Amino acid sequence: MEAEAVIARLGVFRDGILLANAGDVLSALDSLDLVELTQFIESTFGIRVGLEDVTVTNFASLAAIVSMVCGKIGRDGV
């Protein structure tokens, strides 16, 4: 899956909060939002987001989230 398709699917989370805060996602989310985002990613892309994946590096920006998702899709063969 290409990055643009991943961005489009992530764009619907919380009425576009990730798109509106693409450069600094973590400042726009609280801890419950982050849990819901990981669940959303898992159900939307059919991948597992483990505790080891929930890092500042992976969730700092929309680009970082897209990179993580694309990497997992490639590994999981989705």
PDB file of N, CA and C in Angstrom:
ATOM      1  N   MET A   1       0.851  -1.176   0.000  1.00  0.00           N
ATOM      2  CA  MET A   1       0.000   0.000   0.000  1.00  0.00           C
ATOM      3  C   MET A   1       0.895   1.235   0.000  1.00  0.00           C
ATOM      4  N   GLU A   2       0.533   2.192  -0.808  1.00  0.00           N
ATOM      5  CA  GLU A   2       1.326   3.414  -0.903  1.00  0.00           C
ATOM      6  C   GLU A   2       0.991   4.386   0.222  1.00  0.00           C
ATOM      7  N   ALA A   3       1.936   5.258   0.507  1.00  0.00           N
ATOM      8  CA  ALA A   3       1.796   6.210   1.607  1.00  0.00           C
ATOM      9  C   ALA A   3       0.540   7.069   1.461  1.00  0.00           C
ATOM     10  N   GLU A   4       0.211   7.478   0.245  1.00  0.00           N
ATOM     11  CA  GLU A   4      -0.964   8.329   0.037  1.00  0.00           C
ATOM     12  C   GLU A   4      -2.238   7.612   0.462  1.00  0.00           C
ATOM     13  N   ALA A   5      -2.321   6.308   0.185  1.00  0.00           N
ATOM     14  CA  ALA A   5      -3.493   5.528   0.574  1.00  0.00           C
ATOM     15  C   ALA A   5      -3.567   5.392   2.097  1.00  0.00           C
ATOM     16  N   VAL A   6      -2.419   5.236   2.731  1.00  0.00           N
ATOM     17  CA  VAL A   6      -2.370   5.145   4.190  1.00  0.00           C
ATOM     18  C   VAL A   6      -2.827   6.478   4.799  1.00  0.00           C
ATOM     19  N   ILE A   7      -2.339   7.572   4.259  1.00  0.00           N
ATOM     20  CA  ILE A   7      -2.731   8.902   4.749  1.00  0.00           C
ATOM     21  C   ILE A   7      -4.235   9.104   4.601  1.00  0.00           C
ATOM     22  N   ALA A   8      -4.780   8.711   3.469  1.00  0.00           N
ATOM     23  CA  ALA A   8      -6.222   8.872   3.245  1.00  0.00           C
ATOM     24  C   ALA A   8      -7.028   8.087   4.270  1.00  0.00           C
ATOM     25  N   ARG A   9      -6.601   6.871   4.572  1.00  0.00           N
ATOM     26  CA  ARG A   9      -7.331   6.061   5.552  1.00  0.00           C
ATOM     27  C   ARG A   9      -7.169   6.607   6.964  1.00  0.00           C
ATOM     28  N   LEU A  10      -5.968   7.109   7.299  1.00  0.00           N
ATOM     29  CA  LEU A  10      -5.747   7.694   8.623  1.00  0.00           C
ATOM     30  C   LEU A  10      -6.491   9.011   8.785  1.00  0.00           C
ATOM     31  N   GLY A  11      -6.764   9.667   7.674  1.00  0.00           N
ATOM     32  CA  GLY A  11      -7.421  10.974   7.704  1.00  0.00           C
ATOM     33  C   GLY A  11      -8.805  10.971   8.321  1.00  0.00           C
ATOM     34  N   VAL A  12      -9.445   9.827   8.373  1.00  0.00           N
ATOM     35  CA  VAL A  12     -10.796   9.776   8.943  1.00  0.00           C
ATOM     36  C   VAL A  12     -10.791   9.624  10.463  1.00  0.00           C
ATOM     37  N   PHE A  13      -9.640   9.313  11.046  1.00  0.00           N
ATOM     38  CA  PHE A  13      -9.573   9.160  12.495  1.00  0.00           C
ATOM     39  C   PHE A  13      -9.877  10.488  13.175  1.00  0.00           C
ATOM     40  N   ARG A  14     -10.834  10.444  14.092  1.00  0.00           N
ATOM     41  CA  ARG A  14     -11.215  11.622  14.904  1.00  0.00           C
ATOM     42  C   ARG A  14     -11.439  12.876  14.053  1.00  0.00           C
ATOM     43  N   ASP A  15     -12.201  12.703  12.979  1.00  0.00           N
ATOM     44  CA  ASP A  15     -12.564  13.829  12.107  1.00  0.00           C
ATOM     45  C   ASP A  15     -11.355  14.595  11.581  1.00  0.00           C
ATOM     46  N   GLY A  16     -10.294  13.883  11.266  1.00  0.00           N
ATOM     47  CA  GLY A  16      -9.136  14.505  10.630  1.00  0.00           C
ATOM     48  C   GLY A  16      -8.091  15.089  11.558  1.00  0.00           C
ATOM     49  N   ILE A  17      -8.105  14.701  12.823  1.00  0.00           N
ATOM     50  CA  ILE A  17      -7.161  15.273  13.785  1.00  0.00           C
ATOM     51  C   ILE A  17      -5.707  15.024  13.386  1.00  0.00           C
ATOM     52  N   LEU A  18      -5.434  13.884  12.750  1.00  0.00           N
ATOM     53  CA  LEU A  18      -4.058  13.595  12.352  1.00  0.00           C
ATOM     54  C   LEU A  18      -3.624  14.505  11.205  1.00  0.00           C
ATOM     55  N   LEU A  19      -4.532  14.766  10.278  1.00  0.00           N
ATOM     56  CA  LEU A  19      -4.204  15.657   9.164  1.00  0.00           C
ATOM     57  C   LEU A  19      -4.029  17.095   9.649  1.00  0.00           C
ATOM     58  N   ALA A  20      -4.881  17.520  10.561  1.00  0.00           N
ATOM     59  CA  ALA A  20      -4.820  18.887  11.077  1.00  0.00           C
ATOM     60  C   ALA A  20      -3.572  19.143  11.914  1.00  0.00           C
ATOM     61  N   ASN A  21      -3.005  18.074  12.490  1.00  0.00           N
ATOM     62  CA  ASN A  21      -1.827  18.201  13.356  1.00  0.00           C
ATOM     63  C   ASN A  21      -0.693  17.328  12.844  1.00  0.00           C
ATOM     64  N   ALA A  22      -0.526  17.276  11.533  1.00  0.00           N
ATOM     65  CA  ALA A  22       0.412  16.352  10.887  1.00  0.00           C
ATOM     66  C   ALA A  22       1.841  16.481  11.401  1.00  0.00           C
ATOM     67  N   GLY A  23       2.256  17.662  11.742  1.00  0.00           N
ATOM     68  CA  GLY A  23       3.634  17.870  12.180  1.00  0.00           C
ATOM     69  C   GLY A  23       3.893  17.536  13.637  1.00  0.00           C
ATOM     70  N   ASP A  24       2.852  17.517  14.456  1.00  0.00           N
ATOM     71  CA  ASP A  24       3.005  17.262  15.890  1.00  0.00           C
ATOM     72  C   ASP A  24       1.765  16.547  16.412  1.00  0.00           C
ATOM     73  N   VAL A  25       1.626  15.299  16.041  1.00  0.00           N
ATOM     74  CA  VAL A  25       0.453  14.512  16.393  1.00  0.00           C
ATOM     75  C   VAL A  25       0.307  14.363  17.903  1.00  0.00           C
ATOM     76  N   LEU A  26       1.399  14.125  18.595  1.00  0.00           N
ATOM     77  CA  LEU A  26       1.320  13.849  20.028  1.00  0.00           C
ATOM     78  C   LEU A  26       0.763  15.009  20.846  1.00  0.00           C
ATOM     79  N   SER A  27       0.958  16.226  20.372  1.00  0.00           N
ATOM     80  CA  SER A  27       0.406  17.362  21.124  1.00  0.00           C
ATOM     81  C   SER A  27      -1.113  17.438  21.006  1.00  0.00           C
ATOM     82  N   ALA A  28      -1.679  16.773  20.002  1.00  0.00           N
ATOM     83  CA  ALA A  28      -3.116  16.824  19.778  1.00  0.00           C
ATOM     84  C   ALA A  28      -3.860  15.641  20.407  1.00  0.00           C
ATOM     85  N   LEU A  29      -3.124  14.628  20.883  1.00  0.00           N
ATOM     86  CA  LEU A  29      -3.742  13.420  21.414  1.00  0.00           C
ATOM     87  C   LEU A  29      -3.446  13.248  22.894  1.00  0.00           C
ATOM     88  N   ASP A  30      -4.443  12.771  23.636  1.00  0.00           N
ATOM     89  CA  ASP A  30      -4.176  12.369  25.016  1.00  0.00           C
ATOM     90  C   ASP A  30      -3.947  10.859  25.021  1.00  0.00           C
ATOM     91  N   SER A  31      -3.730  10.284  26.181  1.00  0.00           N
ATOM     92  CA  SER A  31      -3.380   8.866  26.252  1.00  0.00           C
ATOM     93  C   SER A  31      -4.505   7.960  25.746  1.00  0.00           C
ATOM     94  N   LEU A  32      -5.752   8.314  26.014  1.00  0.00           N
ATOM     95  CA  LEU A  32      -6.877   7.523  25.514  1.00  0.00           C
ATOM     96  C   LEU A  32      -6.954   7.604  23.990  1.00  0.00           C
ATOM     97  N   ASP A  33      -6.729   8.793  23.437  1.00  0.00           N
ATOM     98  CA  ASP A  33      -6.707   8.957  21.983  1.00  0.00           C
ATOM     99  C   ASP A  33      -5.638   8.065  21.355  1.00  0.00           C
ATOM    100  N   LEU A  34      -4.496   7.982  22.009  1.00  0.00           N
ATOM    101  CA  LEU A  34      -3.398   7.173  21.480  1.00  0.00           C
ATOM    102  C   LEU A  34      -3.772   5.690  21.464  1.00  0.00           C
ATOM    103  N   VAL A  35      -4.432   5.238  22.511  1.00  0.00           N
ATOM    104  CA  VAL A  35      -4.903   3.845  22.546  1.00  0.00           C
ATOM    105  C   VAL A  35      -5.916   3.622  21.425  1.00  0.00           C
ATOM    106  N   GLU A  36      -6.856   4.544  21.274  1.00  0.00           N
ATOM    107  CA  GLU A  36      -7.857   4.420  20.227  1.00  0.00           C
ATOM    108  C   GLU A  36      -7.220   4.471  18.838  1.00  0.00           C
ATOM    109  N   LEU A  37      -6.193   5.290  18.678  1.00  0.00           N
ATOM    110  CA  LEU A  37      -5.493   5.362  17.398  1.00  0.00           C
ATOM    111  C   LEU A  37      -4.813   4.033  17.071  1.00  0.00           C
ATOM    112  N   THR A  38      -4.158   3.431  18.047  1.00  0.00           N
ATOM    113  CA  THR A  38      -3.507   2.143  17.775  1.00  0.00           C
ATOM    114  C   THR A  38      -4.548   1.089  17.410  1.00  0.00           C
ATOM    115  N   GLN A  39      -5.690   1.092  18.075  1.00  0.00           N
ATOM    116  CA  GLN A  39      -6.762   0.151  17.735  1.00  0.00           C
ATOM    117  C   GLN A  39      -7.313   0.431  16.339  1.00  0.00           C
ATOM    118  N   PHE A  40      -7.446   1.695  16.008  1.00  0.00           N
ATOM    119  CA  PHE A  40      -7.912   2.090  14.683  1.00  0.00           C
ATOM    120  C   PHE A  40      -6.938   1.607  13.611  1.00  0.00           C
ATOM    121  N   ILE A  41      -5.655   1.802  13.846  1.00  0.00           N
ATOM    122  CA  ILE A  41      -4.633   1.357  12.889  1.00  0.00           C
ATOM    123  C   ILE A  41      -4.702  -0.154  12.716  1.00  0.00           C
ATOM    124  N   GLU A  42      -4.807  -0.872  13.821  1.00  0.00           N
ATOM    125  CA  GLU A  42      -4.867  -2.337  13.747  1.00  0.00           C
ATOM    126  C   GLU A  42      -6.080  -2.804  12.947  1.00  0.00           C
ATOM    127  N   SER A  43      -7.239  -2.235  13.213  1.00  0.00           N
ATOM    128  CA  SER A  43      -8.441  -2.690  12.510  1.00  0.00           C
ATOM    129  C   SER A  43      -8.485  -2.220  11.066  1.00  0.00           C
ATOM    130  N   THR A  44      -7.973  -1.038  10.793  1.00  0.00           N
ATOM    131  CA  THR A  44      -8.011  -0.493   9.439  1.00  0.00           C
ATOM    132  C   THR A  44      -7.030  -1.187   8.508  1.00  0.00           C
ATOM    133  N   PHE A  45      -5.840  -1.499   9.026  1.00  0.00           N
ATOM    134  CA  PHE A  45      -4.792  -2.042   8.164  1.00  0.00           C
ATOM    135  C   PHE A  45      -4.509  -3.523   8.397  1.00  0.00           C
ATOM    136  N   GLY A  46      -5.178  -4.121   9.368  1.00  0.00           N
ATOM    137  CA  GLY A  46      -4.986  -5.540   9.632  1.00  0.00           C
ATOM    138  C   GLY A  46      -3.590  -5.892  10.103  1.00  0.00           C
ATOM    139  N   ILE A  47      -3.008  -4.989  10.893  1.00  0.00           N
ATOM    140  CA  ILE A  47      -1.657  -5.200  11.435  1.00  0.00           C
ATOM    141  C   ILE A  47      -1.716  -5.128  12.949  1.00  0.00           C
ATOM    142  N   ARG A  48      -0.675  -5.579  13.590  1.00  0.00           N
ATOM    143  CA  ARG A  48      -0.580  -5.501  15.041  1.00  0.00           C
ATOM    144  C   ARG A  48       0.326  -4.337  15.420  1.00  0.00           C
ATOM    145  N   VAL A  49      -0.132  -3.503  16.328  1.00  0.00           N
ATOM    146  CA  VAL A  49       0.685  -2.423  16.878  1.00  0.00           C
ATOM    147  C   VAL A  49       0.931  -2.793  18.334  1.00  0.00           C
ATOM    148  N   GLY A  50       2.129  -3.306  18.607  1.00  0.00           N
ATOM    149  CA  GLY A  50       2.475  -3.731  19.955  1.00  0.00           C
ATOM    150  C   GLY A  50       2.961  -2.577  20.809  1.00  0.00           C
ATOM    151  N   LEU A  51       3.091  -2.846  22.083  1.00  0.00           N
ATOM    152  CA  LEU A  51       3.602  -1.813  22.995  1.00  0.00           C
ATOM    153  C   LEU A  51       4.966  -1.303  22.561  1.00  0.00           C
ATOM    154  N   GLU A  52       5.768  -2.194  21.998  1.00  0.00           N
ATOM    155  CA  GLU A  52       7.102  -1.789  21.533  1.00  0.00           C
ATOM    156  C   GLU A  52       7.036  -0.804  20.367  1.00  0.00           C
ATOM    157  N   ASP A  53       5.888  -0.738  19.693  1.00  0.00           N
ATOM    158  CA  ASP A  53       5.717   0.184  18.566  1.00  0.00           C
ATOM    159  C   ASP A  53       5.229   1.564  18.998  1.00  0.00           C
ATOM    160  N   VAL A  54       4.662   1.647  20.177  1.00  0.00           N
ATOM    161  CA  VAL A  54       4.090   2.915  20.647  1.00  0.00           C
ATOM    162  C   VAL A  54       5.211   3.736  21.286  1.00  0.00           C
ATOM    163  N   THR A  55       5.900   4.446  20.418  1.00  0.00           N
ATOM    164  CA  THR A  55       7.031   5.274  20.843  1.00  0.00           C
ATOM    165  C   THR A  55       6.846   6.697  20.322  1.00  0.00           C
ATOM    166  N   VAL A  56       7.561   7.614  20.912  1.00  0.00           N
ATOM    167  CA  VAL A  56       7.539   8.997  20.436  1.00  0.00           C
ATOM    168  C   VAL A  56       7.989   9.050  18.983  1.00  0.00           C
ATOM    169  N   THR A  57       8.974   8.274  18.629  1.00  0.00           N
ATOM    170  CA  THR A  57       9.479   8.260  17.252  1.00  0.00           C
ATOM    171  C   THR A  57       8.391   7.836  16.268  1.00  0.00           C
ATOM    172  N   ASN A  58       7.638   6.802  16.595  1.00  0.00           N
ATOM    173  CA  ASN A  58       6.621   6.280  15.676  1.00  0.00           C
ATOM    174  C   ASN A  58       5.340   7.102  15.620  1.00  0.00           C
ATOM    175  N   PHE A  59       5.074   7.919  16.644  1.00  0.00           N
ATOM    176  CA  PHE A  59       3.822   8.658  16.696  1.00  0.00           C
ATOM    177  C   PHE A  59       4.006  10.177  16.775  1.00  0.00           C
ATOM    178  N   ALA A  60       5.198  10.668  16.548  1.00  0.00           N
ATOM    179  CA  ALA A  60       5.462  12.102  16.652  1.00  0.00           C
ATOM    180  C   ALA A  60       4.749  12.919  15.582  1.00  0.00           C
ATOM    181  N   SER A  61       4.625  12.359  14.393  1.00  0.00           N
ATOM    182  CA  SER A  61       4.027  13.085  13.278  1.00  0.00           C
ATOM    183  C   SER A  61       3.231  12.122  12.407  1.00  0.00           C
ATOM    184  N   LEU A  62       2.434  12.677  11.521  1.00  0.00           N
ATOM    185  CA  LEU A  62       1.693  11.844  10.584  1.00  0.00           C
ATOM    186  C   LEU A  62       2.665  11.055   9.705  1.00  0.00           C
ATOM    187  N   ALA A  63       3.734  11.685   9.279  1.00  0.00           N
ATOM    188  CA  ALA A  63       4.730  10.996   8.452  1.00  0.00           C
ATOM    189  C   ALA A  63       5.336   9.804   9.187  1.00  0.00           C
ATOM    190  N   ALA A  64       5.587   9.950  10.478  1.00  0.00           N
ATOM    191  CA  ALA A  64       6.154   8.852  11.267  1.00  0.00           C
ATOM    192  C   ALA A  64       5.164   7.703  11.389  1.00  0.00           C
ATOM    193  N   ILE A  65       3.895   8.027  11.597  1.00  0.00           N
ATOM    194  CA  ILE A  65       2.867   6.986  11.690  1.00  0.00           C
ATOM    195  C   ILE A  65       2.752   6.259  10.356  1.00  0.00           C
ATOM    196  N   VAL A  66       2.726   7.005   9.266  1.00  0.00           N
ATOM    197  CA  VAL A  66       2.635   6.408   7.932  1.00  0.00           C
ATOM    198  C   VAL A  66       3.825   5.491   7.682  1.00  0.00           C
ATOM    199  N   SER A  67       4.997   5.932   8.056  1.00  0.00           N
ATOM    200  CA  SER A  67       6.206   5.115   7.884  1.00  0.00           C
ATOM    201  C   SER A  67       6.103   3.809   8.665  1.00  0.00           C
ATOM    202  N   MET A  68       5.637   3.892   9.908  1.00  0.00           N
ATOM    203  CA  MET A  68       5.483   2.691  10.724  1.00  0.00           C
ATOM    204  C   MET A  68       4.462   1.743  10.100  1.00  0.00           C
ATOM    205  N   VAL A  69       3.316   2.287   9.696  1.00  0.00           N
ATOM    206  CA  VAL A  69       2.261   1.462   9.109  1.00  0.00           C
ATOM    207  C   VAL A  69       2.749   0.812   7.814  1.00  0.00           C
ATOM    208  N   CYS A  70       3.357   1.589   6.948  1.00  0.00           N
ATOM    209  CA  CYS A  70       3.859   1.033   5.682  1.00  0.00           C
ATOM    210  C   CYS A  70       4.898  -0.053   5.932  1.00  0.00           C
ATOM    211  N   GLY A  71       5.756   0.139   6.911  1.00  0.00           N
ATOM    212  CA  GLY A  71       6.748  -0.867   7.252  1.00  0.00           C
ATOM    213  C   GLY A  71       6.111  -2.146   7.757  1.00  0.00           C
ATOM    214  N   LYS A  72       5.077  -2.005   8.559  1.00  0.00           N
ATOM    215  CA  LYS A  72       4.386  -3.191   9.091  1.00  0.00           C
ATOM    216  C   LYS A  72       3.582  -3.892   8.001  1.00  0.00           C
ATOM    217  N   ILE A  73       2.974  -3.128   7.119  1.00  0.00           N
ATOM    218  CA  ILE A  73       2.231  -3.737   6.024  1.00  0.00           C
ATOM    219  C   ILE A  73       3.182  -4.584   5.168  1.00  0.00           C
ATOM    220  N   GLY A  74       4.358  -4.042   4.901  1.00  0.00           N
ATOM    221  CA  GLY A  74       5.339  -4.772   4.105  1.00  0.00           C
ATOM    222  C   GLY A  74       5.783  -6.054   4.782  1.00  0.00           C
ATOM    223  N   ARG A  75       5.981  -6.006   6.087  1.00  0.00           N
ATOM    224  CA  ARG A  75       6.414  -7.207   6.842  1.00  0.00           C
ATOM    225  C   ARG A  75       5.292  -8.218   6.976  1.00  0.00           C
ATOM    226  N   ASP A  76       4.068  -7.710   7.137  1.00  0.00           N
ATOM    227  CA  ASP A  76       2.948  -8.616   7.371  1.00  0.00           C
ATOM    228  C   ASP A  76       2.331  -9.129   6.074  1.00  0.00           C
ATOM    229  N   GLY A  77       2.796  -8.586   4.944  1.00  0.00           N
ATOM    230  CA  GLY A  77       2.308  -9.047   3.659  1.00  0.00           C
ATOM    231  C   GLY A  77       0.901  -8.607   3.324  1.00  0.00           C
ATOM    232  N   VAL A  78       0.421  -7.555   3.994  1.00  0.00           N
ATOM    233  CA  VAL A  78      -0.933  -7.065   3.739  1.00  0.00           C
ATOM    234  C   VAL A  78      -0.942  -6.227   2.489  1.00  0.00           C
TER     235      VAL A  78
END
